[in-house]
Amino acid sequence: MNGSTTLRHYRGPWTREKVLALGMTCGIETAGQILGIGRTVAYRLAREGEWPTPIRKVGGRYLVTVQGLLDYLDGVEGAGAGE
């Protein structure tokens, strides 16, 4: 990643460090990339109240908490470990 590329446009694998570097919140499209959810499905899930992490609508924009994403990913990884 070069200095002019923002994490919002990052296309590589999302490591914990990269997610933490986003700050406290990120947009729904970035959160969808992290979770492997496409843009259209991400917005539909948010509208229908089915988004899997804490989310808030501010104006016309959905914001997802980075900590909520990490907690969700930790839970998903932990659930798969016992199988």
Foldseek 3Di string as FASTA:
>chain_A
DDPVDDLQPDDDQDDLVSLVVVPFKDFQCSLCSNVVHHPVVSVVCVVVVNPQFDWDQDPNTIIGTSVRSVVVVVVVVVVVVVD
